[in-house]
Amino acid sequence: MKYHRYTEQEVIDRTKEAIHYFISKQINPFLEMLDGDFVWVGDYEPLYMKGITAFLESVKEEIQEQLPISITEEEYALLSHERRLWITYGRFTATINRQVSRIHFTLVWRQKNDRLLLLHANANHAKPMPQSDAQSRIFELPSCSRPPIHTTEAKKQAFRSLTGSIHYLLPEEIRYIKADNNVCQIFTTSGFFSCRSTLKKLTAPPFLRIHKSYLVNSSHLREICRYQATLLDGTKLPIGKEWYMDLKQWMMKNCND
């Protein structure tokens, strides 16, 4: 069976159509565009929703409001296309009762048979930058000024290195762990060594999974910026997309400015 090959313009047109349906609260046509695994992420705490049912529950009160909305200054573009996934982005201005909102968005589309369905939507209200030190705050997220407090008493753990040496370490002595198949490199405050293990066996507090190949000690984690974690000593580690949102929520819950 041959699949329809969507052009860049068709995907952009589909994006514009979805935005107009949503902003004008034409919910039924918008729902028909959604993938069964649809996820919505916005810039307010309740706007993190998995599934169409959760989305409907969130917007049910707003659907009743019949306020005239106009959309201007629209910009749409294709960011990426790989196999049956398309990523579009852009921005627009929405005006309601003379109140103006500037919205930035990213949409992820997935093709199922010949249908192009909305898999993920991220939308944020553009806000003015702070006047002081604005440039350094572009990617700012909560950072830890001190290690989180662990209530359980720390105990030393034994690791047998590939050379046969036994290392007895407290959790706080381990900065992060990197895996390569069934071999893990243990990076400590004084160096590193390799042992035969998997990340799954080593995943336990205070260690957080941030990537398919990395565990990080939460007490050594200083900040995250996009898909990169920075430790207290300046070491930078990658964050996998699968673990990013959980890590971000953990940071917001456990770290102080």
C-alpha atoms as a PDB file:
ATOM      1  CA  MET A   1       0.000   0.000   0.000  1.00  0.00           C
ATOM      2  CA  LYS A   2       1.405   3.381  -0.992  1.00  0.00           C
ATOM      3  CA  TYR A   3       1.204   6.193   1.527  1.00  0.00           C
ATOM      4  CA  HIS A   4       0.440   9.751   0.632  1.00  0.00           C
ATOM      5  CA  ARG A   5       3.644  11.776   0.533  1.00  0.00           C
ATOM      6  CA  TYR A   6       2.885  15.030   2.277  1.00  0.00           C
ATOM      7  CA  THR A   7       4.626  18.133   0.997  1.00  0.00           C
ATOM      8  CA  GLU A   8       6.073  20.814   3.229  1.00  0.00           C
ATOM      9  CA  GLN A   9       3.277  23.192   2.272  1.00  0.00           C
ATOM     10  CA  GLU A  10       0.588  20.617   3.079  1.00  0.00           C
ATOM     11  CA  VAL A  11       2.008  20.126   6.575  1.00  0.00           C
ATOM     12  CA  ILE A  12       2.254  23.884   7.131  1.00  0.00           C
ATOM     13  CA  ASP A  13      -1.334  24.316   5.918  1.00  0.00           C
ATOM     14  CA  ARG A  14      -2.414  21.569   8.313  1.00  0.00           C
ATOM     15  CA  THR A  15      -0.625  23.389  11.129  1.00  0.00           C
ATOM     16  CA  LYS A  16      -2.330  26.673  10.338  1.00  0.00           C
ATOM     17  CA  GLU A  17      -5.696  24.902  10.188  1.00  0.00           C
ATOM     18  CA  ALA A  18      -5.123  23.321  13.627  1.00  0.00           C
ATOM     19  CA  ILE A  19      -4.154  26.662  15.169  1.00  0.00           C
ATOM     20  CA  HIS A  20      -7.274  28.369  13.810  1.00  0.00           C
ATOM     21  CA  TYR A  21      -9.562  25.546  14.954  1.00  0.00           C
ATOM     22  CA  PHE A  22      -8.078  25.666  18.436  1.00  0.00           C
ATOM     23  CA  ILE A  23      -8.051  29.451  18.887  1.00  0.00           C
ATOM     24  CA  SER A  24     -11.607  29.799  17.549  1.00  0.00           C
ATOM     25  CA  LYS A  25     -12.698  26.909  19.867  1.00  0.00           C
ATOM     26  CA  GLN A  26     -13.938  24.707  17.061  1.00  0.00           C
ATOM     27  CA  ILE A  27     -13.269  21.717  19.292  1.00  0.00           C
ATOM     28  CA  ASN A  28     -14.779  18.916  17.201  1.00  0.00           C
ATOM     29  CA  PRO A  29     -12.719  19.618  14.051  1.00  0.00           C
ATOM     30  CA  PHE A  30      -9.663  20.053  16.286  1.00  0.00           C
ATOM     31  CA  LEU A  31     -10.276  16.711  18.029  1.00  0.00           C
ATOM     32  CA  GLU A  32     -10.441  14.959  14.679  1.00  0.00           C
ATOM     33  CA  MET A  33      -6.860  16.077  14.097  1.00  0.00           C
ATOM     34  CA  LEU A  34      -5.508  14.539  17.318  1.00  0.00           C
ATOM     35  CA  ASP A  35      -3.494  11.373  17.583  1.00  0.00           C
ATOM     36  CA  GLY A  36      -4.599   8.897  20.272  1.00  0.00           C
ATOM     37  CA  ASP A  37      -1.298   9.520  22.093  1.00  0.00           C
ATOM     38  CA  PHE A  38      -1.698  13.298  21.992  1.00  0.00           C
ATOM     39  CA  VAL A  39       0.280  15.279  24.596  1.00  0.00           C
ATOM     40  CA  TRP A  40      -0.150  18.978  25.354  1.00  0.00           C
ATOM     41  CA  VAL A  41       2.469  21.061  27.172  1.00  0.00           C
ATOM     42  CA  GLY A  42       1.822  24.726  27.998  1.00  0.00           C
ATOM     43  CA  ASP A  43       3.408  27.394  30.174  1.00  0.00           C
ATOM     44  CA  TYR A  44       1.099  26.984  33.180  1.00  0.00           C
ATOM     45  CA  GLU A  45       1.154  24.101  35.659  1.00  0.00           C
ATOM     46  CA  PRO A  46      -2.216  22.512  34.658  1.00  0.00           C
ATOM     47  CA  LEU A  47      -1.268  22.583  30.977  1.00  0.00           C
ATOM     48  CA  TYR A  48       0.602  19.288  31.000  1.00  0.00           C
ATOM     49  CA  MET A  49      -1.829  16.737  29.613  1.00  0.00           C
ATOM     50  CA  LYS A  50      -1.538  13.228  28.237  1.00  0.00           C
ATOM     51  CA  GLY A  51      -4.387  11.950  26.106  1.00  0.00           C
ATOM     52  CA  ILE A  52      -7.473  13.382  24.446  1.00  0.00           C
ATOM     53  CA  THR A  53      -9.664  12.816  27.526  1.00  0.00           C
ATOM     54  CA  ALA A  54      -7.382  14.939  29.712  1.00  0.00           C
ATOM     55  CA  PHE A  55      -7.328  17.649  27.061  1.00  0.00           C
ATOM     56  CA  LEU A  56     -11.137  17.763  26.880  1.00  0.00           C
ATOM     57  CA  GLU A  57     -11.409  17.935  30.668  1.00  0.00           C
ATOM     58  CA  SER A  58      -9.031  20.888  30.735  1.00  0.00           C
ATOM     59  CA  VAL A  59     -10.859  22.970  28.107  1.00  0.00           C
ATOM     60  CA  LYS A  60     -14.502  22.108  28.884  1.00  0.00           C
ATOM     61  CA  GLU A  61     -15.180  25.402  30.699  1.00  0.00           C
ATOM     62  CA  GLU A  62     -13.458  27.532  28.060  1.00  0.00           C
ATOM     63  CA  ILE A  63     -15.512  25.921  25.284  1.00  0.00           C
ATOM     64  CA  GLN A  64     -18.622  27.597  26.709  1.00  0.00           C
ATOM     65  CA  GLU A  65     -17.131  31.073  26.304  1.00  0.00           C
ATOM     66  CA  GLN A  66     -18.144  32.633  23.016  1.00  0.00           C
ATOM     67  CA  LEU A  67     -15.751  35.558  22.692  1.00  0.00           C
ATOM     68  CA  PRO A  68     -14.648  36.895  19.298  1.00  0.00           C
ATOM     69  CA  ILE A  69     -10.975  36.142  18.663  1.00  0.00           C
ATOM     70  CA  SER A  70      -8.784  37.409  15.866  1.00  0.00           C
ATOM     71  CA  ILE A  71      -5.431  36.006  14.782  1.00  0.00           C
ATOM     72  CA  THR A  72      -2.791  38.197  13.168  1.00  0.00           C
ATOM     73  CA  GLU A  73       0.980  38.259  12.570  1.00  0.00           C
ATOM     74  CA  GLU A  74       1.032  34.551  11.781  1.00  0.00           C
ATOM     75  CA  GLU A  75       4.306  32.736  11.085  1.00  0.00           C
ATOM     76  CA  TYR A  76       4.509  29.026  10.247  1.00  0.00           C
ATOM     77  CA  ALA A  77       7.527  26.911   9.307  1.00  0.00           C
ATOM     78  CA  LEU A  78       8.666  23.306   9.030  1.00  0.00           C
ATOM     79  CA  LEU A  79      11.456  22.492  11.460  1.00  0.00           C
ATOM     80  CA  SER A  80      12.103  18.828  10.704  1.00  0.00           C
ATOM     81  CA  HIS A  81      10.784  15.786   8.858  1.00  0.00           C
ATOM     82  CA  GLU A  82      11.861  12.191   9.457  1.00  0.00           C
ATOM     83  CA  ARG A  83       9.942   9.216   8.085  1.00  0.00           C
ATOM     84  CA  ARG A  84       6.333   9.737   9.267  1.00  0.00           C
ATOM     85  CA  LEU A  85       7.037  12.530  11.745  1.00  0.00           C
ATOM     86  CA  TRP A  86       6.894  16.261  10.993  1.00  0.00           C
ATOM     87  CA  ILE A  87       7.738  19.095  13.387  1.00  0.00           C
ATOM     88  CA  THR A  88       6.379  22.563  12.721  1.00  0.00           C
ATOM     89  CA  TYR A  89       6.759  25.773  14.682  1.00  0.00           C
ATOM     90  CA  GLY A  90       5.807  29.409  14.592  1.00  0.00           C
ATOM     91  CA  ARG A  91       4.055  32.239  16.376  1.00  0.00           C
ATOM     92  CA  PHE A  92       0.986  34.409  16.106  1.00  0.00           C
ATOM     93  CA  THR A  93      -0.898  37.167  17.898  1.00  0.00           C
ATOM     94  CA  ALA A  94      -4.360  36.498  19.339  1.00  0.00           C
ATOM     95  CA  THR A  95      -6.652  39.395  20.289  1.00  0.00           C
ATOM     96  CA  ILE A  96      -9.635  38.913  22.638  1.00  0.00           C
ATOM     97  CA  ASN A  97     -11.628  41.938  23.853  1.00  0.00           C
ATOM     98  CA  ARG A  98      -8.645  44.176  23.071  1.00  0.00           C
ATOM     99  CA  GLN A  99      -6.348  41.945  25.121  1.00  0.00           C
ATOM    100  CA  VAL A 100      -3.366  40.924  23.006  1.00  0.00           C
ATOM    101  CA  SER A 101      -1.384  37.696  23.502  1.00  0.00           C
ATOM    102  CA  ARG A 102       1.670  36.646  21.561  1.00  0.00           C
ATOM    103  CA  ILE A 103       1.896  32.846  21.303  1.00  0.00           C
ATOM    104  CA  HIS A 104       4.898  30.705  20.360  1.00  0.00           C
ATOM    105  CA  PHE A 105       4.240  27.056  19.467  1.00  0.00           C
ATOM    106  CA  THR A 106       5.746  23.780  18.306  1.00  0.00           C
ATOM    107  CA  LEU A 107       3.632  20.964  16.873  1.00  0.00           C
ATOM    108  CA  VAL A 108       4.604  17.365  16.148  1.00  0.00           C
ATOM    109  CA  TRP A 109       2.612  15.526  13.485  1.00  0.00           C
ATOM    110  CA  ARG A 110       2.526  11.770  12.916  1.00  0.00           C
ATOM    111  CA  GLN A 111       1.270  10.075   9.765  1.00  0.00           C
ATOM    112  CA  LYS A 112      -0.982   7.058  10.263  1.00  0.00           C
ATOM    113  CA  ASN A 113      -1.861   5.505   6.928  1.00  0.00           C
ATOM    114  CA  ASP A 114      -2.876   8.568   4.906  1.00  0.00           C
ATOM    115  CA  ARG A 115      -3.889  10.702   7.910  1.00  0.00           C
ATOM    116  CA  LEU A 116      -1.677  13.381   9.390  1.00  0.00           C
ATOM    117  CA  LEU A 117      -2.462  13.532  13.135  1.00  0.00           C
ATOM    118  CA  LEU A 118      -1.310  15.901  15.851  1.00  0.00           C
ATOM    119  CA  LEU A 119       0.836  13.949  18.309  1.00  0.00           C
ATOM    120  CA  HIS A 120       2.238  16.748  20.475  1.00  0.00           C
ATOM    121  CA  ALA A 121       1.591  20.447  20.990  1.00  0.00           C
ATOM    122  CA  ASN A 122       3.656  22.915  22.952  1.00  0.00           C
ATOM    123  CA  ALA A 123       2.418  26.494  23.242  1.00  0.00           C
ATOM    124  CA  ASN A 124       3.717  29.346  25.367  1.00  0.00           C
ATOM    125  CA  HIS A 125       2.773  32.961  25.954  1.00  0.00           C
ATOM    126  CA  ALA A 126       5.642  35.212  24.976  1.00  0.00           C
ATOM    127  CA  LYS A 127       6.536  37.338  28.008  1.00  0.00           C
ATOM    128  CA  PRO A 128       8.856  40.340  28.319  1.00  0.00           C
ATOM    129  CA  MET A 129      12.414  39.547  29.346  1.00  0.00           C
ATOM    130  CA  PRO A 130      13.543  40.837  32.751  1.00  0.00           C
ATOM    131  CA  GLN A 131      15.491  44.065  32.536  1.00  0.00           C
ATOM    132  CA  SER A 132      18.433  42.942  34.650  1.00  0.00           C
ATOM    133  CA  ASP A 133      20.867  40.353  33.279  1.00  0.00           C
ATOM    134  CA  ALA A 134      18.294  39.357  30.655  1.00  0.00           C
ATOM    135  CA  GLN A 135      20.664  37.576  28.289  1.00  0.00           C
ATOM    136  CA  SER A 136      21.804  35.056  30.900  1.00  0.00           C
ATOM    137  CA  ARG A 137      18.197  34.178  31.749  1.00  0.00           C
ATOM    138  CA  ILE A 138      17.051  33.053  28.304  1.00  0.00           C
ATOM    139  CA  PHE A 139      17.286  29.364  29.198  1.00  0.00           C
ATOM    140  CA  GLU A 140      17.036  29.749  32.952  1.00  0.00           C
ATOM    141  CA  LEU A 141      15.558  26.910  35.000  1.00  0.00           C
ATOM    142  CA  PRO A 142      15.587  26.470  38.781  1.00  0.00           C
ATOM    143  CA  SER A 143      19.062  25.617  40.017  1.00  0.00           C
ATOM    144  CA  CYS A 144      20.225  23.975  43.223  1.00  0.00           C
ATOM    145  CA  SER A 145      22.183  26.266  45.508  1.00  0.00           C
ATOM    146  CA  ARG A 146      22.759  23.366  47.887  1.00  0.00           C
ATOM    147  CA  PRO A 147      22.388  19.577  47.649  1.00  0.00           C
ATOM    148  CA  PRO A 148      18.958  18.116  48.432  1.00  0.00           C
ATOM    149  CA  ILE A 149      18.648  16.696  51.926  1.00  0.00           C
ATOM    150  CA  HIS A 150      18.291  12.910  52.051  1.00  0.00           C
ATOM    151  CA  THR A 151      16.608  11.610  55.173  1.00  0.00           C
ATOM    152  CA  THR A 152      18.002   8.078  54.988  1.00  0.00           C
ATOM    153  CA  GLU A 153      21.440   7.391  56.457  1.00  0.00           C
ATOM    154  CA  ALA A 154      24.045   7.002  53.724  1.00  0.00           C
ATOM    155  CA  LYS A 155      25.886   3.684  53.512  1.00  0.00           C
ATOM    156  CA  LYS A 156      28.978   2.770  51.560  1.00  0.00           C
ATOM    157  CA  GLN A 157      28.518   0.619  48.482  1.00  0.00           C
ATOM    158  CA  ALA A 158      31.084  -1.812  47.115  1.00  0.00           C
ATOM    159  CA  PHE A 159      32.090  -1.760  43.439  1.00  0.00           C
ATOM    160  CA  ARG A 160      34.448  -4.297  41.884  1.00  0.00           C
ATOM    161  CA  SER A 161      36.414  -2.703  39.059  1.00  0.00           C
ATOM    162  CA  LEU A 162      37.389  -4.541  35.866  1.00  0.00           C
ATOM    163  CA  THR A 163      40.925  -4.774  37.256  1.00  0.00           C
ATOM    164  CA  GLY A 164      39.666  -6.626  40.348  1.00  0.00           C
ATOM    165  CA  SER A 165      39.949  -3.742  42.840  1.00  0.00           C
ATOM    166  CA  ILE A 166      37.129  -3.173  45.341  1.00  0.00           C
ATOM    167  CA  HIS A 167      35.974   0.443  45.784  1.00  0.00           C
ATOM    168  CA  TYR A 168      33.899   1.332  48.872  1.00  0.00           C
ATOM    169  CA  LEU A 169      32.075   4.593  48.201  1.00  0.00           C
ATOM    170  CA  LEU A 170      29.483   6.761  49.880  1.00  0.00           C
ATOM    171  CA  PRO A 171      26.741   7.952  47.486  1.00  0.00           C
ATOM    172  CA  GLU A 172      27.946  11.562  47.655  1.00  0.00           C
ATOM    173  CA  GLU A 173      31.399  10.481  46.425  1.00  0.00           C
ATOM    174  CA  ILE A 174      29.894   9.449  43.056  1.00  0.00           C
ATOM    175  CA  ARG A 175      29.190  12.323  40.678  1.00  0.00           C
ATOM    176  CA  TYR A 176      27.655  10.383  37.793  1.00  0.00           C
ATOM    177  CA  ILE A 177      27.690   6.992  36.064  1.00  0.00           C
ATOM    178  CA  LYS A 178      28.027   6.346  32.339  1.00  0.00           C
ATOM    179  CA  ALA A 179      27.042   3.005  30.777  1.00  0.00           C
ATOM    180  CA  ASP A 180      28.380   1.245  27.699  1.00  0.00           C
ATOM    181  CA  ASN A 181      26.443  -1.997  27.292  1.00  0.00           C
ATOM    182  CA  ASN A 182      27.133  -4.005  30.484  1.00  0.00           C
ATOM    183  CA  VAL A 183      30.100  -1.906  31.584  1.00  0.00           C
ATOM    184  CA  CYS A 184      29.620   1.231  33.704  1.00  0.00           C
ATOM    185  CA  GLN A 185      32.146   3.984  34.286  1.00  0.00           C
ATOM    186  CA  ILE A 186      31.861   5.344  37.840  1.00  0.00           C
ATOM    187  CA  PHE A 187      32.934   8.995  37.978  1.00  0.00           C
ATOM    188  CA  THR A 188      33.817   9.994  41.528  1.00  0.00           C
ATOM    189  CA  THR A 189      35.032  13.184  43.169  1.00  0.00           C
ATOM    190  CA  SER A 190      38.614  11.908  42.820  1.00  0.00           C
ATOM    191  CA  GLY A 191      38.635  10.055  39.491  1.00  0.00           C
ATOM    192  CA  PHE A 192      36.863   7.205  37.733  1.00  0.00           C
ATOM    193  CA  PHE A 193      36.945   3.442  37.252  1.00  0.00           C
ATOM    194  CA  SER A 194      34.979   0.829  35.288  1.00  0.00           C
ATOM    195  CA  CYS A 195      32.914  -2.071  36.608  1.00  0.00           C
ATOM    196  CA  ARG A 196      30.650  -4.708  35.119  1.00  0.00           C
ATOM    197  CA  SER A 197      27.036  -3.663  35.738  1.00  0.00           C
ATOM    198  CA  THR A 198      23.990  -2.041  34.136  1.00  0.00           C
ATOM    199  CA  LEU A 199      22.352   1.308  34.862  1.00  0.00           C
ATOM    200  CA  LYS A 200      19.164  -0.488  35.834  1.00  0.00           C
ATOM    201  CA  LYS A 201      20.946  -2.209  38.729  1.00  0.00           C
ATOM    202  CA  LEU A 202      22.449   1.070  39.904  1.00  0.00           C
ATOM    203  CA  THR A 203      19.323   3.238  39.604  1.00  0.00           C
ATOM    204  CA  ALA A 204      18.337   4.148  43.165  1.00  0.00           C
ATOM    205  CA  PRO A 205      18.262   7.379  45.222  1.00  0.00           C
ATOM    206  CA  PRO A 206      20.148   9.662  45.106  1.00  0.00           C
ATOM    207  CA  PHE A 207      20.865   8.695  41.485  1.00  0.00           C
ATOM    208  CA  LEU A 208      18.532   9.968  38.758  1.00  0.00           C
ATOM    209  CA  ARG A 209      18.222   8.528  35.254  1.00  0.00           C
ATOM    210  CA  ILE A 210      18.701  11.374  32.771  1.00  0.00           C
ATOM    211  CA  HIS A 211      19.659   9.497  29.620  1.00  0.00           C
ATOM    212  CA  LYS A 212      19.786   5.936  28.284  1.00  0.00           C
ATOM    213  CA  SER A 213      23.507   5.967  29.115  1.00  0.00           C
ATOM    214  CA  TYR A 214      23.696   8.215  32.204  1.00  0.00           C
ATOM    215  CA  LEU A 215      22.816   8.344  35.892  1.00  0.00           C
ATOM    216  CA  VAL A 216      23.544  11.520  37.831  1.00  0.00           C
ATOM    217  CA  ASN A 217      23.868  11.993  41.573  1.00  0.00           C
ATOM    218  CA  SER A 218      21.125  14.484  42.457  1.00  0.00           C
ATOM    219  CA  SER A 219      23.320  16.091  45.117  1.00  0.00           C
ATOM    220  CA  HIS A 220      25.844  17.013  42.398  1.00  0.00           C
ATOM    221  CA  LEU A 221      23.252  18.406  39.971  1.00  0.00           C
ATOM    222  CA  ARG A 222      23.378  22.196  39.634  1.00  0.00           C
ATOM    223  CA  GLU A 223      21.059  23.053  36.729  1.00  0.00           C
ATOM    224  CA  ILE A 224      19.534  21.885  33.469  1.00  0.00           C
ATOM    225  CA  CYS A 225      19.458  23.887  30.251  1.00  0.00           C
ATOM    226  CA  ARG A 226      17.495  22.510  27.337  1.00  0.00           C
ATOM    227  CA  TYR A 227      18.754  18.940  27.003  1.00  0.00           C
ATOM    228  CA  GLN A 228      21.944  19.345  29.013  1.00  0.00           C
ATOM    229  CA  ALA A 229      22.639  18.941  32.729  1.00  0.00           C
ATOM    230  CA  THR A 230      25.419  20.835  34.511  1.00  0.00           C
ATOM    231  CA  LEU A 231      27.005  19.458  37.669  1.00  0.00           C
ATOM    232  CA  LEU A 232      28.431  21.492  40.552  1.00  0.00           C
ATOM    233  CA  ASP A 233      31.953  21.086  39.147  1.00  0.00           C
ATOM    234  CA  GLY A 234      30.879  22.309  35.696  1.00  0.00           C
ATOM    235  CA  THR A 235      30.675  18.876  34.024  1.00  0.00           C
ATOM    236  CA  LYS A 236      27.976  18.822  31.351  1.00  0.00           C
ATOM    237  CA  LEU A 237      25.938  15.689  30.617  1.00  0.00           C
ATOM    238  CA  PRO A 238      23.266  15.003  27.967  1.00  0.00           C
ATOM    239  CA  ILE A 239      19.602  14.651  28.924  1.00  0.00           C
ATOM    240  CA  GLY A 240      17.497  12.239  26.888  1.00  0.00           C
ATOM    241  CA  LYS A 241      14.115  13.514  25.690  1.00  0.00           C
ATOM    242  CA  GLU A 242      12.405  10.575  27.404  1.00  0.00           C
ATOM    243  CA  TRP A 243      13.643  11.754  30.816  1.00  0.00           C
ATOM    244  CA  TYR A 244      13.659  15.548  30.353  1.00  0.00           C
ATOM    245  CA  MET A 245      10.210  16.424  31.712  1.00  0.00           C
ATOM    246  CA  ASP A 246      10.550  14.168  34.776  1.00  0.00           C
ATOM    247  CA  LEU A 247      13.943  15.698  35.528  1.00  0.00           C
ATOM    248  CA  LYS A 248      12.619  19.241  35.063  1.00  0.00           C
ATOM    249  CA  GLN A 249       9.737  18.573  37.455  1.00  0.00           C
ATOM    250  CA  TRP A 250      12.134  17.023  39.973  1.00  0.00           C
ATOM    251  CA  MET A 251      14.330  20.149  39.791  1.00  0.00           C
ATOM    252  CA  MET A 252      11.376  22.481  40.335  1.00  0.00           C
ATOM    253  CA  LYS A 253      10.201  20.431  43.309  1.00  0.00           C
ATOM    254  CA  ASN A 254      13.530  19.801  45.054  1.00  0.00           C
ATOM    255  CA  CYS A 255      15.851  22.687  44.203  1.00  0.00           C
ATOM    256  CA  ASN A 256      15.974  26.217  45.555  1.00  0.00           C
ATOM    257  CA  ASP A 257      17.273  29.380  43.988  1.00  0.00           C
END
